[in-house]
Amino acid sequence: MTITIDNYALRTMAFFKEKTNVSPLNCIVTKKSIIFLVDKGLVRKAIGRDALNVKYLRNQFKKDIKIFEKGESLDETIKNFIYPIKLNSSKIHRRVLAMLLANPNDRRKLLGNGQTTLKQLKEVINVYHQNIKDIKLL
């Protein structure tokens, strides 16, 4: 699988590395946010003490910043992305990713704010798993 990154994303990744001293594995730029994927164990360093790096990046780009760490499986990547919401399980059926959350009350967190987190998750999953076309919460 080949992932293509445009010039803006490359410059954004270079700026991220310069500010955080963490090399991002990938960067997904949307209209309202920039999502950075970092190696396992580096998310705390990337976020910075008291989230100073995130605040700085948010001010520079005038977009919401999300930093999460790559998982070894699809489930682990989803868990890392939606943290602190806990994922019970997920299953792919007919190109739809069905997610069962550990706490049913967490649905509101994923669906709140115009479904921002869910839309961002769809963007991330589309990059790495083109066979998934939609996400459903159970």
N, C-alpha and C. Protein backbone atom coordinates (compact mmCIF):
# COMPACT_ATOMS: atom_id res chain seq x y z
N MET A 1 0.85 -1.18 0.00
CA MET A 1 0.00 0.00 0.00
C MET A 1 0.89 1.24 0.00
N THR A 2 0.58 2.19 -0.85
CA THR A 2 1.33 3.43 -0.94
C THR A 2 0.49 4.58 -0.40
N ILE A 3 1.10 5.37 0.48
CA ILE A 3 0.42 6.54 1.03
C ILE A 3 1.11 7.76 0.44
N THR A 4 0.33 8.62 -0.20
CA THR A 4 0.91 9.83 -0.77
C THR A 4 0.64 11.00 0.15
N ILE A 5 1.65 11.85 0.28
CA ILE A 5 1.56 13.01 1.15
C ILE A 5 1.87 14.24 0.30
N ASP A 6 1.00 15.25 0.32
CA ASP A 6 1.24 16.44 -0.48
C ASP A 6 2.26 17.36 0.20
N ASN A 7 2.65 18.41 -0.51
CA ASN A 7 3.67 19.34 -0.01
C ASN A 7 3.26 20.01 1.30
N TYR A 8 2.00 20.40 1.40
CA TYR A 8 1.54 21.06 2.63
C TYR A 8 1.68 20.11 3.82
N ALA A 9 1.29 18.87 3.64
CA ALA A 9 1.41 17.89 4.72
C ALA A 9 2.88 17.65 5.08
N LEU A 10 3.75 17.61 4.09
CA LEU A 10 5.18 17.44 4.36
C LEU A 10 5.74 18.61 5.16
N ARG A 11 5.37 19.83 4.77
CA ARG A 11 5.83 21.00 5.51
C ARG A 11 5.26 21.01 6.92
N THR A 12 4.01 20.59 7.05
CA THR A 12 3.36 20.52 8.36
C THR A 12 4.07 19.51 9.24
N MET A 13 4.44 18.36 8.68
CA MET A 13 5.15 17.33 9.43
C MET A 13 6.53 17.81 9.86
N ALA A 14 7.21 18.55 8.98
CA ALA A 14 8.53 19.09 9.31
C ALA A 14 8.42 20.11 10.45
N PHE A 15 7.40 20.95 10.39
CA PHE A 15 7.17 21.94 11.45
C PHE A 15 6.86 21.24 12.77
N PHE A 16 6.05 20.20 12.71
CA PHE A 16 5.70 19.41 13.89
C PHE A 16 6.96 18.81 14.52
N LYS A 17 7.83 18.24 13.68
CA LYS A 17 9.06 17.63 14.19
C LYS A 17 9.97 18.68 14.82
N GLU A 18 10.06 19.85 14.18
CA GLU A 18 10.89 20.93 14.70
C GLU A 18 10.41 21.39 16.08
N LYS A 19 9.10 21.47 16.26
CA LYS A 19 8.55 21.96 17.52
C LYS A 19 8.55 20.90 18.62
N THR A 20 8.26 19.64 18.27
CA THR A 20 8.07 18.60 19.29
C THR A 20 9.26 17.66 19.45
N ASN A 21 10.19 17.67 18.50
CA ASN A 21 11.30 16.71 18.47
C ASN A 21 10.81 15.27 18.30
N VAL A 22 9.66 15.11 17.69
CA VAL A 22 9.09 13.80 17.39
C VAL A 22 8.77 13.76 15.89
N SER A 23 9.25 12.73 15.21
CA SER A 23 8.96 12.58 13.78
C SER A 23 7.60 11.92 13.62
N PRO A 24 6.64 12.60 13.01
CA PRO A 24 5.34 11.96 12.80
C PRO A 24 5.42 10.93 11.68
N LEU A 25 4.65 9.86 11.82
CA LEU A 25 4.58 8.84 10.79
C LEU A 25 3.70 9.30 9.64
N ASN A 26 2.68 10.08 9.99
CA ASN A 26 1.74 10.57 8.99
C ASN A 26 1.05 11.81 9.52
N CYS A 27 0.47 12.54 8.59
CA CYS A 27 -0.26 13.76 8.93
C CYS A 27 -1.47 13.81 8.00
N ILE A 28 -2.64 13.96 8.58
CA ILE A 28 -3.87 14.06 7.80
C ILE A 28 -4.45 15.45 8.04
N VAL A 29 -4.55 16.22 6.97
CA VAL A 29 -5.03 17.59 7.07
C VAL A 29 -6.46 17.65 6.56
N THR A 30 -7.37 18.13 7.41
CA THR A 30 -8.76 18.34 7.01
C THR A 30 -9.06 19.84 7.10
N LYS A 31 -10.27 20.23 6.77
CA LYS A 31 -10.64 21.65 6.81
C LYS A 31 -10.49 22.24 8.21
N LYS A 32 -10.86 21.47 9.22
CA LYS A 32 -10.90 22.01 10.58
C LYS A 32 -9.80 21.47 11.49
N SER A 33 -9.06 20.45 11.05
CA SER A 33 -8.09 19.85 11.97
C SER A 33 -6.88 19.28 11.24
N ILE A 34 -5.84 19.04 12.04
CA ILE A 34 -4.65 18.35 11.57
C ILE A 34 -4.41 17.19 12.53
N ILE A 35 -4.31 15.99 11.99
CA ILE A 35 -4.16 14.78 12.79
C ILE A 35 -2.76 14.23 12.56
N PHE A 36 -2.01 14.04 13.63
CA PHE A 36 -0.65 13.50 13.54
C PHE A 36 -0.62 12.10 14.13
N LEU A 37 0.02 11.19 13.41
CA LEU A 37 0.22 9.83 13.87
C LEU A 37 1.70 9.69 14.25
N VAL A 38 1.96 9.26 15.48
CA VAL A 38 3.35 9.11 15.94
C VAL A 38 3.60 7.67 16.36
N ASP A 39 4.87 7.32 16.48
CA ASP A 39 5.25 5.97 16.90
C ASP A 39 4.82 5.69 18.33
N LYS A 40 4.72 4.42 18.62
CA LYS A 40 4.34 3.95 19.95
C LYS A 40 5.29 4.53 21.01
N GLY A 41 4.71 5.06 22.08
CA GLY A 41 5.48 5.59 23.19
C GLY A 41 5.89 7.04 23.05
N LEU A 42 5.57 7.70 21.94
CA LEU A 42 6.02 9.08 21.73
C LEU A 42 4.91 10.12 21.84
N VAL A 43 3.69 9.69 22.12
CA VAL A 43 2.58 10.63 22.13
C VAL A 43 2.72 11.67 23.26
N ARG A 44 3.19 11.26 24.42
CA ARG A 44 3.35 12.21 25.54
C ARG A 44 4.39 13.27 25.21
N LYS A 45 5.49 12.83 24.61
CA LYS A 45 6.54 13.78 24.22
C LYS A 45 6.00 14.75 23.18
N ALA A 46 5.22 14.25 22.23
CA ALA A 46 4.68 15.10 21.17
C ALA A 46 3.69 16.12 21.72
N ILE A 47 2.87 15.70 22.66
CA ILE A 47 1.88 16.61 23.25
C ILE A 47 2.57 17.68 24.08
N GLY A 48 3.62 17.28 24.81
CA GLY A 48 4.38 18.23 25.61
C GLY A 48 3.79 18.41 27.00
N ARG A 49 4.61 18.95 27.89
CA ARG A 49 4.17 19.21 29.26
C ARG A 49 3.03 20.23 29.24
N ASP A 50 1.98 19.92 29.97
CA ASP A 50 0.77 20.76 30.03
C ASP A 50 0.20 21.05 28.63
N ALA A 51 0.43 20.14 27.70
CA ALA A 51 -0.06 20.24 26.32
C ALA A 51 0.43 21.50 25.61
N LEU A 52 1.60 21.99 25.98
CA LEU A 52 2.13 23.22 25.39
C LEU A 52 2.37 23.09 23.89
N ASN A 53 2.86 21.94 23.46
CA ASN A 53 3.10 21.74 22.02
C ASN A 53 1.80 21.79 21.24
N VAL A 54 0.76 21.16 21.76
CA VAL A 54 -0.54 21.15 21.08
C VAL A 54 -1.10 22.58 21.01
N LYS A 55 -1.00 23.30 22.11
CA LYS A 55 -1.50 24.69 22.14
C LYS A 55 -0.75 25.55 21.13
N TYR A 56 0.58 25.39 21.07
CA TYR A 56 1.38 26.16 20.13
C TYR A 56 1.00 25.83 18.69
N LEU A 57 0.89 24.53 18.38
CA LEU A 57 0.52 24.12 17.03
C LEU A 57 -0.88 24.61 16.66
N ARG A 58 -1.81 24.55 17.61
CA ARG A 58 -3.18 25.03 17.37
C ARG A 58 -3.16 26.51 17.01
N ASN A 59 -2.35 27.29 17.72
CA ASN A 59 -2.26 28.73 17.43
C ASN A 59 -1.61 29.00 16.08
N GLN A 60 -0.60 28.23 15.73
CA GLN A 60 0.11 28.43 14.47
C GLN A 60 -0.75 28.07 13.26
N PHE A 61 -1.44 26.95 13.34
CA PHE A 61 -2.22 26.46 12.20
C PHE A 61 -3.67 26.93 12.20
N LYS A 62 -4.13 27.45 13.33
CA LYS A 62 -5.54 27.89 13.47
C LYS A 62 -6.50 26.74 13.17
N LYS A 63 -6.10 25.54 13.60
CA LYS A 63 -6.92 24.34 13.42
C LYS A 63 -6.80 23.50 14.68
N ASP A 64 -7.77 22.60 14.86
CA ASP A 64 -7.71 21.65 15.96
C ASP A 64 -6.57 20.66 15.68
N ILE A 65 -5.83 20.30 16.73
CA ILE A 65 -4.70 19.38 16.58
C ILE A 65 -5.01 18.10 17.35
N LYS A 66 -4.83 16.97 16.70
CA LYS A 66 -5.01 15.67 17.33
C LYS A 66 -3.74 14.87 17.12
N ILE A 67 -3.19 14.34 18.21
CA ILE A 67 -1.99 13.52 18.13
C ILE A 67 -2.32 12.16 18.75
N PHE A 68 -2.06 11.10 18.03
CA PHE A 68 -2.29 9.77 18.60
C PHE A 68 -1.21 8.82 18.13
N GLU A 69 -1.08 7.71 18.86
CA GLU A 69 -0.01 6.78 18.53
C GLU A 69 -0.52 5.58 17.76
N LYS A 70 0.33 5.10 16.88
CA LYS A 70 0.00 3.98 16.00
C LYS A 70 -0.13 2.71 16.82
N GLY A 71 -1.14 1.94 16.53
CA GLY A 71 -1.33 0.65 17.17
C GLY A 71 -0.82 -0.47 16.28
N GLU A 72 -0.65 -1.63 16.86
CA GLU A 72 -0.18 -2.77 16.08
C GLU A 72 -1.32 -3.45 15.31
N SER A 73 -2.56 -3.13 15.69
CA SER A 73 -3.73 -3.67 15.00
C SER A 73 -4.73 -2.54 14.78
N LEU A 74 -5.76 -2.83 13.98
CA LEU A 74 -6.81 -1.83 13.75
C LEU A 74 -7.48 -1.46 15.06
N ASP A 75 -7.80 -2.47 15.90
CA ASP A 75 -8.45 -2.20 17.19
C ASP A 75 -7.59 -1.29 18.07
N GLU A 76 -6.30 -1.58 18.12
CA GLU A 76 -5.40 -0.79 18.97
C GLU A 76 -5.29 0.65 18.45
N THR A 77 -5.25 0.82 17.15
CA THR A 77 -5.19 2.16 16.56
C THR A 77 -6.47 2.92 16.88
N ILE A 78 -7.62 2.26 16.78
CA ILE A 78 -8.90 2.90 17.11
C ILE A 78 -8.91 3.29 18.59
N LYS A 79 -8.48 2.37 19.46
CA LYS A 79 -8.45 2.66 20.90
C LYS A 79 -7.58 3.87 21.20
N ASN A 80 -6.43 3.95 20.56
CA ASN A 80 -5.54 5.09 20.77
C ASN A 80 -6.16 6.38 20.26
N PHE A 81 -6.87 6.30 19.14
CA PHE A 81 -7.47 7.50 18.56
C PHE A 81 -8.61 8.04 19.40
N ILE A 82 -9.48 7.17 19.89
CA ILE A 82 -10.67 7.64 20.61
C ILE A 82 -10.45 7.78 22.11
N TYR A 83 -9.22 7.49 22.60
CA TYR A 83 -8.91 7.62 24.03
C TYR A 83 -9.35 8.98 24.53
N PRO A 84 -10.00 9.11 25.66
CA PRO A 84 -10.20 8.19 26.77
C PRO A 84 -11.45 7.31 26.66
N ILE A 85 -12.16 7.38 25.54
CA ILE A 85 -13.31 6.49 25.33
C ILE A 85 -12.78 5.08 25.15
N LYS A 86 -13.42 4.12 25.79
CA LYS A 86 -12.94 2.74 25.73
C LYS A 86 -13.73 1.94 24.70
N LEU A 87 -12.98 1.26 23.83
CA LEU A 87 -13.56 0.39 22.81
C LEU A 87 -13.66 -1.02 23.36
N ASN A 88 -14.84 -1.61 23.26
CA ASN A 88 -15.02 -3.00 23.70
C ASN A 88 -14.55 -3.94 22.61
N SER A 89 -15.06 -3.75 21.40
CA SER A 89 -14.64 -4.58 20.27
C SER A 89 -15.04 -3.89 18.97
N SER A 90 -14.47 -4.39 17.88
CA SER A 90 -14.85 -3.90 16.55
C SER A 90 -14.82 -5.07 15.59
N LYS A 91 -15.61 -4.94 14.55
CA LYS A 91 -15.69 -5.99 13.55
C LYS A 91 -15.98 -5.36 12.20
N ILE A 92 -15.38 -5.90 11.16
CA ILE A 92 -15.64 -5.40 9.81
C ILE A 92 -16.59 -6.38 9.12
N HIS A 93 -17.71 -5.84 8.63
CA HIS A 93 -18.70 -6.66 7.93
C HIS A 93 -19.20 -5.88 6.73
N ARG A 94 -19.01 -6.44 5.55
CA ARG A 94 -19.44 -5.80 4.30
C ARG A 94 -18.93 -4.36 4.20
N ARG A 95 -17.64 -4.19 4.43
CA ARG A 95 -16.95 -2.90 4.32
C ARG A 95 -17.42 -1.85 5.32
N VAL A 96 -18.10 -2.28 6.36
CA VAL A 96 -18.53 -1.37 7.42
C VAL A 96 -17.85 -1.80 8.72
N LEU A 97 -17.21 -0.85 9.37
CA LEU A 97 -16.57 -1.10 10.65
C LEU A 97 -17.61 -0.87 11.74
N ALA A 98 -17.96 -1.93 12.46
CA ALA A 98 -18.91 -1.82 13.57
C ALA A 98 -18.12 -1.75 14.86
N MET A 99 -18.36 -0.71 15.65
CA MET A 99 -17.63 -0.51 16.90
C MET A 99 -18.59 -0.62 18.08
N LEU A 100 -18.19 -1.42 19.06
CA LEU A 100 -18.96 -1.55 20.29
C LEU A 100 -18.15 -0.90 21.40
N LEU A 101 -18.70 0.14 21.98
CA LEU A 101 -18.00 0.86 23.04
C LEU A 101 -18.23 0.18 24.38
N ALA A 102 -17.24 0.27 25.29
CA ALA A 102 -17.35 -0.35 26.60
C ALA A 102 -18.46 0.29 27.43
N ASN A 103 -18.62 1.60 27.30
CA ASN A 103 -19.65 2.31 28.04
C ASN A 103 -20.61 2.97 27.04
N PRO A 104 -21.89 2.56 27.04
CA PRO A 104 -22.85 3.13 26.08
C PRO A 104 -22.98 4.65 26.18
N ASN A 105 -22.70 5.23 27.34
CA ASN A 105 -22.79 6.68 27.49
C ASN A 105 -21.71 7.42 26.71
N ASP A 106 -20.66 6.72 26.30
CA ASP A 106 -19.58 7.34 25.53
C ASP A 106 -19.99 7.64 24.10
N ARG A 107 -21.09 7.08 23.65
CA ARG A 107 -21.59 7.37 22.29
C ARG A 107 -21.73 8.87 22.07
N ARG A 108 -22.24 9.55 23.11
CA ARG A 108 -22.44 11.01 23.00
C ARG A 108 -21.12 11.72 22.76
N LYS A 109 -20.04 11.23 23.40
CA LYS A 109 -18.73 11.87 23.21
C LYS A 109 -18.26 11.72 21.77
N LEU A 110 -18.47 10.54 21.19
CA LEU A 110 -18.06 10.32 19.81
C LEU A 110 -18.96 11.05 18.82
N LEU A 111 -20.24 11.13 19.13
CA LEU A 111 -21.19 11.74 18.22
C LEU A 111 -21.37 13.23 18.45
N GLY A 112 -20.90 13.74 19.59
CA GLY A 112 -21.07 15.15 19.92
C GLY A 112 -20.20 16.05 19.06
N ASN A 113 -20.42 17.34 19.20
CA ASN A 113 -19.65 18.36 18.48
C ASN A 113 -19.66 18.13 16.97
N GLY A 114 -20.84 17.84 16.44
CA GLY A 114 -20.97 17.64 15.00
C GLY A 114 -20.27 16.40 14.50
N GLN A 115 -20.16 15.40 15.35
CA GLN A 115 -19.49 14.13 15.01
C GLN A 115 -18.04 14.33 14.58
N THR A 116 -17.37 15.34 15.13
CA THR A 116 -16.00 15.65 14.74
C THR A 116 -15.07 14.47 14.93
N THR A 117 -15.09 13.85 16.12
CA THR A 117 -14.18 12.74 16.40
C THR A 117 -14.45 11.57 15.46
N LEU A 118 -15.71 11.27 15.22
CA LEU A 118 -16.06 10.17 14.33
C LEU A 118 -15.61 10.45 12.89
N LYS A 119 -15.78 11.69 12.43
CA LYS A 119 -15.34 12.06 11.08
C LYS A 119 -13.82 11.96 10.96
N GLN A 120 -13.11 12.41 12.02
CA GLN A 120 -11.65 12.31 12.00
C GLN A 120 -11.21 10.84 11.97
N LEU A 121 -11.89 10.01 12.74
CA LEU A 121 -11.57 8.58 12.74
C LEU A 121 -11.78 7.98 11.36
N LYS A 122 -12.84 8.38 10.66
CA LYS A 122 -13.09 7.90 9.30
C LYS A 122 -11.94 8.30 8.37
N GLU A 123 -11.44 9.53 8.52
CA GLU A 123 -10.30 9.98 7.70
C GLU A 123 -9.08 9.09 7.93
N VAL A 124 -8.79 8.82 9.20
CA VAL A 124 -7.62 8.00 9.55
C VAL A 124 -7.78 6.60 9.00
N ILE A 125 -8.94 6.01 9.18
CA ILE A 125 -9.17 4.64 8.72
C ILE A 125 -9.13 4.56 7.20
N ASN A 126 -9.62 5.60 6.51
CA ASN A 126 -9.57 5.60 5.04
C ASN A 126 -8.15 5.58 4.52
N VAL A 127 -7.21 6.18 5.25
CA VAL A 127 -5.81 6.19 4.81
C VAL A 127 -5.21 4.80 4.88
N TYR A 128 -5.50 4.08 5.96
CA TYR A 128 -4.84 2.79 6.19
C TYR A 128 -5.67 1.57 5.80
N HIS A 129 -6.97 1.73 5.69
CA HIS A 129 -7.85 0.59 5.39
C HIS A 129 -8.89 1.04 4.36
N GLN A 130 -8.48 1.05 3.09
CA GLN A 130 -9.38 1.52 2.03
C GLN A 130 -10.58 0.61 1.83
N ASN A 131 -10.52 -0.61 2.37
CA ASN A 131 -11.64 -1.54 2.20
C ASN A 131 -12.81 -1.19 3.12
N ILE A 132 -12.62 -0.27 4.07
CA ILE A 132 -13.71 0.13 4.96
C ILE A 132 -14.32 1.42 4.43
N LYS A 133 -15.64 1.40 4.19
CA LYS A 133 -16.28 2.59 3.64
C LYS A 133 -17.11 3.36 4.66
N ASP A 134 -17.44 2.75 5.80
CA ASP A 134 -18.26 3.46 6.79
C ASP A 134 -18.00 2.91 8.18
N ILE A 135 -18.41 3.68 9.19
CA ILE A 135 -18.27 3.27 10.58
C ILE A 135 -19.64 3.37 11.24
N LYS A 136 -19.99 2.33 11.98
CA LYS A 136 -21.26 2.32 12.73
C LYS A 136 -20.96 2.08 14.19
N LEU A 137 -21.68 2.75 15.06
CA LEU A 137 -21.56 2.52 16.51
C LEU A 137 -22.68 1.61 16.94
N LEU A 138 -22.34 0.59 17.71
CA LEU A 138 -23.37 -0.35 18.19
C LEU A 138 -23.69 -0.05 19.65
